[in-house]
Amino acid sequence: MNNKPSKLLDPRGVFIFQSEEKLYVWIGNKILPANRERYIAKAESHIKLLQKYESAPETYVTINQNEEPAEFWDFWKIKLEER
């Protein structure tokens, strides 16, 4: 959904969010191309630690900035009007 305010998150980074059912890996659209794969690999490595030591859900979804599904925003309880 292109009209969601991804600007709430720093577009230069990768973030992990955890709900009871799944994990979300949000990928900003201003990550330097040289860093993108390294950042994603670190996030995936951290997810394994969360699953091992924090009983995080086995399921995770990778989401690119400006392509967030409604369920991602529902996770945040953000309700926005269509523009």
PDB file of N, CA and C in Angstrom:
ATOM      1  N   MET A   1       0.857  -1.180   0.000  1.00  0.00           N
ATOM      2  CA  MET A   1       0.000   0.000   0.000  1.00  0.00           C
ATOM      3  C   MET A   1       0.897   1.235   0.000  1.00  0.00           C
ATOM      4  N   ASN A   2       0.912   1.933  -1.060  1.00  0.00           N
ATOM      5  CA  ASN A   2       1.827   3.051  -1.222  1.00  0.00           C
ATOM      6  C   ASN A   2       1.460   4.286  -0.432  1.00  0.00           C
ATOM      7  N   ASN A   3       0.273   4.352   0.142  1.00  0.00           N
ATOM      8  CA  ASN A   3      -0.149   5.565   0.827  1.00  0.00           C
ATOM      9  C   ASN A   3       0.078   5.507   2.328  1.00  0.00           C
ATOM     10  N   LYS A   4       0.745   4.488   2.845  1.00  0.00           N
ATOM     11  CA  LYS A   4       0.985   4.385   4.267  1.00  0.00           C
ATOM     12  C   LYS A   4       2.238   5.186   4.625  1.00  0.00           C
ATOM     13  N   PRO A   5       2.273   5.748   5.812  1.00  0.00           N
ATOM     14  CA  PRO A   5       3.374   6.644   6.183  1.00  0.00           C
ATOM     15  C   PRO A   5       4.607   5.897   6.660  1.00  0.00           C
ATOM     16  N   SER A   6       5.326   5.296   5.736  1.00  0.00           N
ATOM     17  CA  SER A   6       6.560   4.603   6.093  1.00  0.00           C
ATOM     18  C   SER A   6       7.574   5.547   6.704  1.00  0.00           C
ATOM     19  N   LYS A   7       7.332   6.837   6.596  1.00  0.00           N
ATOM     20  CA  LYS A   7       8.265   7.818   7.143  1.00  0.00           C
ATOM     21  C   LYS A   7       8.353   7.736   8.666  1.00  0.00           C
ATOM     22  N   LEU A   8       7.480   6.971   9.299  1.00  0.00           N
ATOM     23  CA  LEU A   8       7.579   6.763  10.738  1.00  0.00           C
ATOM     24  C   LEU A   8       8.841   5.980  11.090  1.00  0.00           C
ATOM     25  N   LEU A   9       9.413   5.286  10.114  1.00  0.00           N
ATOM     26  CA  LEU A   9      10.608   4.486  10.317  1.00  0.00           C
ATOM     27  C   LEU A   9      11.751   5.061   9.480  1.00  0.00           C
ATOM     28  N   ASP A  10      12.972   4.916   9.964  1.00  0.00           N
ATOM     29  CA  ASP A  10      14.146   5.443   9.251  1.00  0.00           C
ATOM     30  C   ASP A  10      14.386   4.616   7.995  1.00  0.00           C
ATOM     31  N   PRO A  11      14.293   5.216   6.818  1.00  0.00           N
ATOM     32  CA  PRO A  11      14.432   4.469   5.569  1.00  0.00           C
ATOM     33  C   PRO A  11      15.857   3.977   5.298  1.00  0.00           C
ATOM     34  N   ARG A  12      16.802   4.355   6.149  1.00  0.00           N
ATOM     35  CA  ARG A  12      18.191   3.916   5.962  1.00  0.00           C
ATOM     36  C   ARG A  12      18.496   2.621   6.700  1.00  0.00           C
ATOM     37  N   GLY A  13      17.457   2.007   7.281  1.00  0.00           N
ATOM     38  CA  GLY A  13      17.711   0.833   8.101  1.00  0.00           C
ATOM     39  C   GLY A  13      16.774  -0.321   7.860  1.00  0.00           C
ATOM     40  N   VAL A  14      17.029  -1.383   8.605  1.00  0.00           N
ATOM     41  CA  VAL A  14      16.201  -2.586   8.623  1.00  0.00           C
ATOM     42  C   VAL A  14      15.741  -2.759  10.060  1.00  0.00           C
ATOM     43  N   PHE A  15      14.452  -3.012  10.256  1.00  0.00           N
ATOM     44  CA  PHE A  15      13.895  -3.136  11.591  1.00  0.00           C
ATOM     45  C   PHE A  15      13.160  -4.461  11.726  1.00  0.00           C
ATOM     46  N   ILE A  16      13.214  -5.009  12.941  1.00  0.00           N
ATOM     47  CA  ILE A  16      12.494  -6.243  13.258  1.00  0.00           C
ATOM     48  C   ILE A  16      11.388  -5.891  14.236  1.00  0.00           C
ATOM     49  N   PHE A  17      10.179  -6.354  13.939  1.00  0.00           N
ATOM     50  CA  PHE A  17       9.034  -6.157  14.822  1.00  0.00           C
ATOM     51  C   PHE A  17       8.445  -7.520  15.121  1.00  0.00           C
ATOM     52  N   GLN A  18       8.049  -7.707  16.371  1.00  0.00           N
ATOM     53  CA  GLN A  18       7.526  -8.999  16.787  1.00  0.00           C
ATOM     54  C   GLN A  18       6.107  -8.866  17.305  1.00  0.00           C
ATOM     55  N   SER A  19       5.225  -9.682  16.754  1.00  0.00           N
ATOM     56  CA  SER A  19       3.876  -9.807  17.298  1.00  0.00           C
ATOM     57  C   SER A  19       3.772 -11.208  17.895  1.00  0.00           C
ATOM     58  N   GLU A  20       2.633 -11.552  18.415  1.00  0.00           N
ATOM     59  CA  GLU A  20       2.473 -12.890  18.975  1.00  0.00           C
ATOM     60  C   GLU A  20       2.508 -13.965  17.897  1.00  0.00           C
ATOM     61  N   GLU A  21       2.052 -13.622  16.698  1.00  0.00           N
ATOM     62  CA  GLU A  21       1.944 -14.615  15.630  1.00  0.00           C
ATOM     63  C   GLU A  21       3.142 -14.678  14.695  1.00  0.00           C
ATOM     64  N   LYS A  22       3.799 -13.538  14.451  1.00  0.00           N
ATOM     65  CA  LYS A  22       4.893 -13.525  13.485  1.00  0.00           C
ATOM     66  C   LYS A  22       5.839 -12.361  13.737  1.00  0.00           C
ATOM     67  N   LEU A  23       6.951 -12.429  13.058  1.00  0.00           N
ATOM     68  CA  LEU A  23       7.944 -11.359  13.055  1.00  0.00           C
ATOM     69  C   LEU A  23       7.864 -10.646  11.711  1.00  0.00           C
ATOM     70  N   TYR A  24       8.167  -9.372  11.731  1.00  0.00           N
ATOM     71  CA  TYR A  24       8.231  -8.578  10.511  1.00  0.00           C
ATOM     72  C   TYR A  24       9.638  -8.018  10.376  1.00  0.00           C
ATOM     73  N   VAL A  25      10.204  -8.119   9.180  1.00  0.00           N
ATOM     74  CA  VAL A  25      11.479  -7.492   8.868  1.00  0.00           C
ATOM     75  C   VAL A  25      11.163  -6.386   7.868  1.00  0.00           C
ATOM     76  N   TRP A  26      11.257  -5.146   8.331  1.00  0.00           N
ATOM     77  CA  TRP A  26      10.933  -3.990   7.500  1.00  0.00           C
ATOM     78  C   TRP A  26      12.233  -3.451   6.923  1.00  0.00           C
ATOM     79  N   ILE A  27      12.269  -3.263   5.602  1.00  0.00           N
ATOM     80  CA  ILE A  27      13.476  -2.824   4.906  1.00  0.00           C
ATOM     81  C   ILE A  27      13.239  -1.450   4.300  1.00  0.00           C
ATOM     82  N   GLY A  28      14.018  -0.477   4.754  1.00  0.00           N
ATOM     83  CA  GLY A  28      13.906   0.882   4.248  1.00  0.00           C
ATOM     84  C   GLY A  28      14.383   0.998   2.814  1.00  0.00           C
ATOM     85  N   ASN A  29      13.877   2.003   2.107  1.00  0.00           N
ATOM     86  CA  ASN A  29      14.222   2.150   0.687  1.00  0.00           C
ATOM     87  C   ASN A  29      15.420   3.070   0.435  1.00  0.00           C
ATOM     88  N   LYS A  30      16.067   3.523   1.493  1.00  0.00           N
ATOM     89  CA  LYS A  30      17.242   4.382   1.301  1.00  0.00           C
ATOM     90  C   LYS A  30      18.515   3.766   1.873  1.00  0.00           C
ATOM     91  N   ILE A  31      18.491   2.445   2.018  1.00  0.00           N
ATOM     92  CA  ILE A  31      19.708   1.748   2.438  1.00  0.00           C
ATOM     93  C   ILE A  31      20.682   1.793   1.266  1.00  0.00           C
ATOM     94  N   LEU A  32      21.927   2.064   1.564  1.00  0.00           N
ATOM     95  CA  LEU A  32      22.933   2.034   0.501  1.00  0.00           C
ATOM     96  C   LEU A  32      22.983   0.628  -0.091  1.00  0.00           C
ATOM     97  N   PRO A  33      23.011   0.522  -1.410  1.00  0.00           N
ATOM     98  CA  PRO A  33      23.016  -0.802  -2.042  1.00  0.00           C
ATOM     99  C   PRO A  33      24.128  -1.713  -1.509  1.00  0.00           C
ATOM    100  N   ALA A  34      25.283  -1.147  -1.190  1.00  0.00           N
ATOM    101  CA  ALA A  34      26.396  -1.942  -0.667  1.00  0.00           C
ATOM    102  C   ALA A  34      26.089  -2.539   0.701  1.00  0.00           C
ATOM    103  N   ASN A  35      25.144  -1.959   1.434  1.00  0.00           N
ATOM    104  CA  ASN A  35      24.817  -2.424   2.780  1.00  0.00           C
ATOM    105  C   ASN A  35      23.566  -3.285   2.854  1.00  0.00           C
ATOM    106  N   ARG A  36      22.746  -3.237   1.840  1.00  0.00           N
ATOM    107  CA  ARG A  36      21.420  -3.878   1.903  1.00  0.00           C
ATOM    108  C   ARG A  36      21.478  -5.355   2.308  1.00  0.00           C
ATOM    109  N   GLU A  37      22.223  -6.163   1.595  1.00  0.00           N
ATOM    110  CA  GLU A  37      22.267  -7.602   1.890  1.00  0.00           C
ATOM    111  C   GLU A  37      22.871  -7.864   3.265  1.00  0.00           C
ATOM    112  N   ARG A  38      23.859  -7.090   3.651  1.00  0.00           N
ATOM    113  CA  ARG A  38      24.481  -7.265   4.972  1.00  0.00           C
ATOM    114  C   ARG A  38      23.485  -6.952   6.082  1.00  0.00           C
ATOM    115  N   TYR A  39      22.722  -5.880   5.932  1.00  0.00           N
ATOM    116  CA  TYR A  39      21.716  -5.518   6.935  1.00  0.00           C
ATOM    117  C   TYR A  39      20.641  -6.594   7.057  1.00  0.00           C
ATOM    118  N   ILE A  40      20.191  -7.102   5.929  1.00  0.00           N
ATOM    119  CA  ILE A  40      19.161  -8.141   5.938  1.00  0.00           C
ATOM    120  C   ILE A  40      19.708  -9.412   6.593  1.00  0.00           C
ATOM    121  N   ALA A  41      20.946  -9.770   6.272  1.00  0.00           N
ATOM    122  CA  ALA A  41      21.556 -10.956   6.877  1.00  0.00           C
ATOM    123  C   ALA A  41      21.664 -10.801   8.392  1.00  0.00           C
ATOM    124  N   LYS A  42      22.025  -9.625   8.869  1.00  0.00           N
ATOM    125  CA  LYS A  42      22.105  -9.384  10.318  1.00  0.00           C
ATOM    126  C   LYS A  42      20.726  -9.490  10.959  1.00  0.00           C
ATOM    127  N   ALA A  43      19.710  -8.974  10.297  1.00  0.00           N
ATOM    128  CA  ALA A  43      18.351  -9.073  10.834  1.00  0.00           C
ATOM    129  C   ALA A  43      17.938 -10.535  10.927  1.00  0.00           C
ATOM    130  N   GLU A  44      18.216 -11.319   9.894  1.00  0.00           N
ATOM    131  CA  GLU A  44      17.859 -12.731   9.913  1.00  0.00           C
ATOM    132  C   GLU A  44      18.625 -13.480  10.995  1.00  0.00           C
ATOM    133  N   SER A  45      19.869 -13.119  11.214  1.00  0.00           N
ATOM    134  CA  SER A  45      20.664 -13.714  12.288  1.00  0.00           C
ATOM    135  C   SER A  45      20.063 -13.381  13.655  1.00  0.00           C
ATOM    136  N   HIS A  46      19.630 -12.146  13.812  1.00  0.00           N
ATOM    137  CA  HIS A  46      19.017 -11.725  15.071  1.00  0.00           C
ATOM    138  C   HIS A  46      17.681 -12.429  15.297  1.00  0.00           C
ATOM    139  N   ILE A  47      16.943 -12.659  14.232  1.00  0.00           N
ATOM    140  CA  ILE A  47      15.680 -13.385  14.336  1.00  0.00           C
ATOM    141  C   ILE A  47      15.922 -14.787  14.896  1.00  0.00           C
ATOM    142  N   LYS A  48      16.968 -15.440  14.430  1.00  0.00           N
ATOM    143  CA  LYS A  48      17.289 -16.780  14.947  1.00  0.00           C
ATOM    144  C   LYS A  48      17.546 -16.740  16.451  1.00  0.00           C
ATOM    145  N   LEU A  49      18.211 -15.688  16.918  1.00  0.00           N
ATOM    146  CA  LEU A  49      18.448 -15.541  18.364  1.00  0.00           C
ATOM    147  C   LEU A  49      17.143 -15.301  19.112  1.00  0.00           C
ATOM    148  N   LEU A  50      16.277 -14.464  18.544  1.00  0.00           N
ATOM    149  CA  LEU A  50      14.982 -14.223  19.168  1.00  0.00           C
ATOM    150  C   LEU A  50      14.169 -15.510  19.258  1.00  0.00           C
ATOM    151  N   GLN A  51      14.223 -16.303  18.218  1.00  0.00           N
ATOM    152  CA  GLN A  51      13.479 -17.565  18.212  1.00  0.00           C
ATOM    153  C   GLN A  51      14.061 -18.550  19.225  1.00  0.00           C
ATOM    154  N   LYS A  52      15.360 -18.570  19.337  1.00  0.00           N
ATOM    155  CA  LYS A  52      16.019 -19.519  20.240  1.00  0.00           C
ATOM    156  C   LYS A  52      15.852 -19.133  21.709  1.00  0.00           C
ATOM    157  N   TYR A  53      16.064 -17.844  22.020  1.00  0.00           N
ATOM    158  CA  TYR A  53      16.124 -17.424  23.418  1.00  0.00           C
ATOM    159  C   TYR A  53      14.891 -16.678  23.926  1.00  0.00           C
ATOM    160  N   GLU A  54      14.076 -16.180  23.023  1.00  0.00           N
ATOM    161  CA  GLU A  54      12.917 -15.376  23.435  1.00  0.00           C
ATOM    162  C   GLU A  54      11.585 -15.972  22.986  1.00  0.00           C
ATOM    163  N   SER A  55      11.623 -17.171  22.478  1.00  0.00           N
ATOM    164  CA  SER A  55      10.415 -17.856  22.001  1.00  0.00           C
ATOM    165  C   SER A  55       9.644 -17.035  20.962  1.00  0.00           C
ATOM    166  N   ALA A  56      10.394 -16.361  20.117  1.00  0.00           N
ATOM    167  CA  ALA A  56       9.764 -15.585  19.036  1.00  0.00           C
ATOM    168  C   ALA A  56       9.115 -16.547  18.044  1.00  0.00           C
ATOM    169  N   PRO A  57       8.085 -16.082  17.345  1.00  0.00           N
ATOM    170  CA  PRO A  57       7.409 -16.938  16.353  1.00  0.00           C
ATOM    171  C   PRO A  57       8.369 -17.429  15.269  1.00  0.00           C
ATOM    172  N   GLU A  58       8.070 -18.607  14.745  1.00  0.00           N
ATOM    173  CA  GLU A  58       8.886 -19.178  13.677  1.00  0.00           C
ATOM    174  C   GLU A  58       8.695 -18.442  12.354  1.00  0.00           C
ATOM    175  N   THR A  59       7.544 -17.847  12.171  1.00  0.00           N
ATOM    176  CA  THR A  59       7.205 -17.186  10.918  1.00  0.00           C
ATOM    177  C   THR A  59       7.704 -15.754  10.905  1.00  0.00           C
ATOM    178  N   TYR A  60       8.341 -15.359   9.796  1.00  0.00           N
ATOM    179  CA  TYR A  60       8.644 -13.942   9.617  1.00  0.00           C
ATOM    180  C   TYR A  60       8.379 -13.530   8.182  1.00  0.00           C
ATOM    181  N   VAL A  61       8.033 -12.266   8.056  1.00  0.00           N
ATOM    182  CA  VAL A  61       7.673 -11.695   6.764  1.00  0.00           C
ATOM    183  C   VAL A  61       8.622 -10.543   6.483  1.00  0.00           C
ATOM    184  N   THR A  62       9.178 -10.516   5.286  1.00  0.00           N
ATOM    185  CA  THR A  62      10.034  -9.404   4.869  1.00  0.00           C
ATOM    186  C   THR A  62       9.179  -8.412   4.107  1.00  0.00           C
ATOM    187  N   ILE A  63       9.282  -7.138   4.514  1.00  0.00           N
ATOM    188  CA  ILE A  63       8.447  -6.084   3.932  1.00  0.00           C
ATOM    189  C   ILE A  63       9.340  -4.930   3.483  1.00  0.00           C
ATOM    190  N   ASN A  64       9.194  -4.522   2.246  1.00  0.00           N
ATOM    191  CA  ASN A  64       9.913  -3.352   1.744  1.00  0.00           C
ATOM    192  C   ASN A  64       9.114  -2.087   2.018  1.00  0.00           C
ATOM    193  N   GLN A  65       9.828  -1.014   2.281  1.00  0.00           N
ATOM    194  CA  GLN A  65       9.172   0.269   2.508  1.00  0.00           C
ATOM    195  C   GLN A  65       8.277   0.613   1.325  1.00  0.00           C
ATOM    196  N   ASN A  66       7.115   1.154   1.627  1.00  0.00           N
ATOM    197  CA  ASN A  66       6.076   1.545   0.661  1.00  0.00           C
ATOM    198  C   ASN A  66       5.356   0.359   0.031  1.00  0.00           C
ATOM    199  N   GLU A  67       5.634  -0.859   0.511  1.00  0.00           N
ATOM    200  CA  GLU A  67       4.912  -2.053   0.056  1.00  0.00           C
ATOM    201  C   GLU A  67       4.284  -2.767   1.248  1.00  0.00           C
ATOM    202  N   GLU A  68       4.077  -2.047   2.344  1.00  0.00           N
ATOM    203  CA  GLU A  68       3.570  -2.647   3.572  1.00  0.00           C
ATOM    204  C   GLU A  68       2.115  -3.104   3.398  1.00  0.00           C
ATOM    205  N   PRO A  69       1.832  -4.356   3.779  1.00  0.00           N
ATOM    206  CA  PRO A  69       0.441  -4.815   3.740  1.00  0.00           C
ATOM    207  C   PRO A  69      -0.342  -4.223   4.906  1.00  0.00           C
ATOM    208  N   ALA A  70      -1.641  -4.270   4.805  1.00  0.00           N
ATOM    209  CA  ALA A  70      -2.499  -3.723   5.861  1.00  0.00           C
ATOM    210  C   ALA A  70      -2.211  -4.376   7.211  1.00  0.00           C
ATOM    211  N   GLU A  71      -1.899  -5.668   7.221  1.00  0.00           N
ATOM    212  CA  GLU A  71      -1.642  -6.352   8.491  1.00  0.00           C
ATOM    213  C   GLU A  71      -0.450  -5.749   9.236  1.00  0.00           C
ATOM    214  N   PHE A  72       0.514  -5.222   8.497  1.00  0.00           N
ATOM    215  CA  PHE A  72       1.662  -4.577   9.147  1.00  0.00           C
ATOM    216  C   PHE A  72       1.211  -3.335   9.895  1.00  0.00           C
ATOM    217  N   TRP A  73       0.379  -2.517   9.263  1.00  0.00           N
ATOM    218  CA  TRP A  73      -0.109  -1.310   9.924  1.00  0.00           C
ATOM    219  C   TRP A  73      -1.102  -1.658  11.020  1.00  0.00           C
ATOM    220  N   ASP A  74      -1.862  -2.720  10.846  1.00  0.00           N
ATOM    221  CA  ASP A  74      -2.764  -3.170  11.914  1.00  0.00           C
ATOM    222  C   ASP A  74      -1.963  -3.550  13.146  1.00  0.00           C
ATOM    223  N   PHE A  75      -0.794  -4.137  12.930  1.00  0.00           N
ATOM    224  CA  PHE A  75       0.100  -4.478  14.034  1.00  0.00           C
ATOM    225  C   PHE A  75       0.403  -3.231  14.866  1.00  0.00           C
ATOM    226  N   TRP A  76       0.559  -2.119  14.199  1.00  0.00           N
ATOM    227  CA  TRP A  76       0.850  -0.841  14.859  1.00  0.00           C
ATOM    228  C   TRP A  76      -0.411  -0.141  15.333  1.00  0.00           C
ATOM    229  N   LYS A  77      -1.578  -0.657  14.950  1.00  0.00           N
ATOM    230  CA  LYS A  77      -2.847  -0.026  15.281  1.00  0.00           C
ATOM    231  C   LYS A  77      -2.951   1.359  14.653  1.00  0.00           C
ATOM    232  N   ILE A  78      -2.395   1.478  13.468  1.00  0.00           N
ATOM    233  CA  ILE A  78      -2.453   2.756  12.753  1.00  0.00           C
ATOM    234  C   ILE A  78      -3.622   2.699  11.784  1.00  0.00           C
ATOM    235  N   LYS A  79      -4.521   3.609  11.932  1.00  0.00           N
ATOM    236  CA  LYS A  79      -5.675   3.717  11.041  1.00  0.00           C
ATOM    237  C   LYS A  79      -5.561   5.038  10.284  1.00  0.00           C
ATOM    238  N   LEU A  80      -5.456   4.956   8.996  1.00  0.00           N
ATOM    239  CA  LEU A  80      -5.245   6.141   8.184  1.00  0.00           C
ATOM    240  C   LEU A  80      -6.319   6.258   7.105  1.00  0.00           C
ATOM    241  N   GLU A  81      -6.586   7.465   6.741  1.00  0.00           N
ATOM    242  CA  GLU A  81      -7.523   7.702   5.650  1.00  0.00           C
ATOM    243  C   GLU A  81      -6.824   7.541   4.318  1.00  0.00           C
ATOM    244  N   GLU A  82      -7.547   7.103   3.332  1.00  0.00           N
ATOM    245  CA  GLU A  82      -7.010   7.026   1.979  1.00  0.00           C
ATOM    246  C   GLU A  82      -6.781   8.448   1.478  1.00  0.00           C
ATOM    247  N   ARG A  83      -5.698   8.614   0.760  1.00  0.00           N
ATOM    248  CA  ARG A  83      -5.394   9.950   0.214  1.00  0.00           C
ATOM    249  C   ARG A  83      -5.720  10.009  -1.245  1.00  0.00           C
TER     250      ARG A  83
END
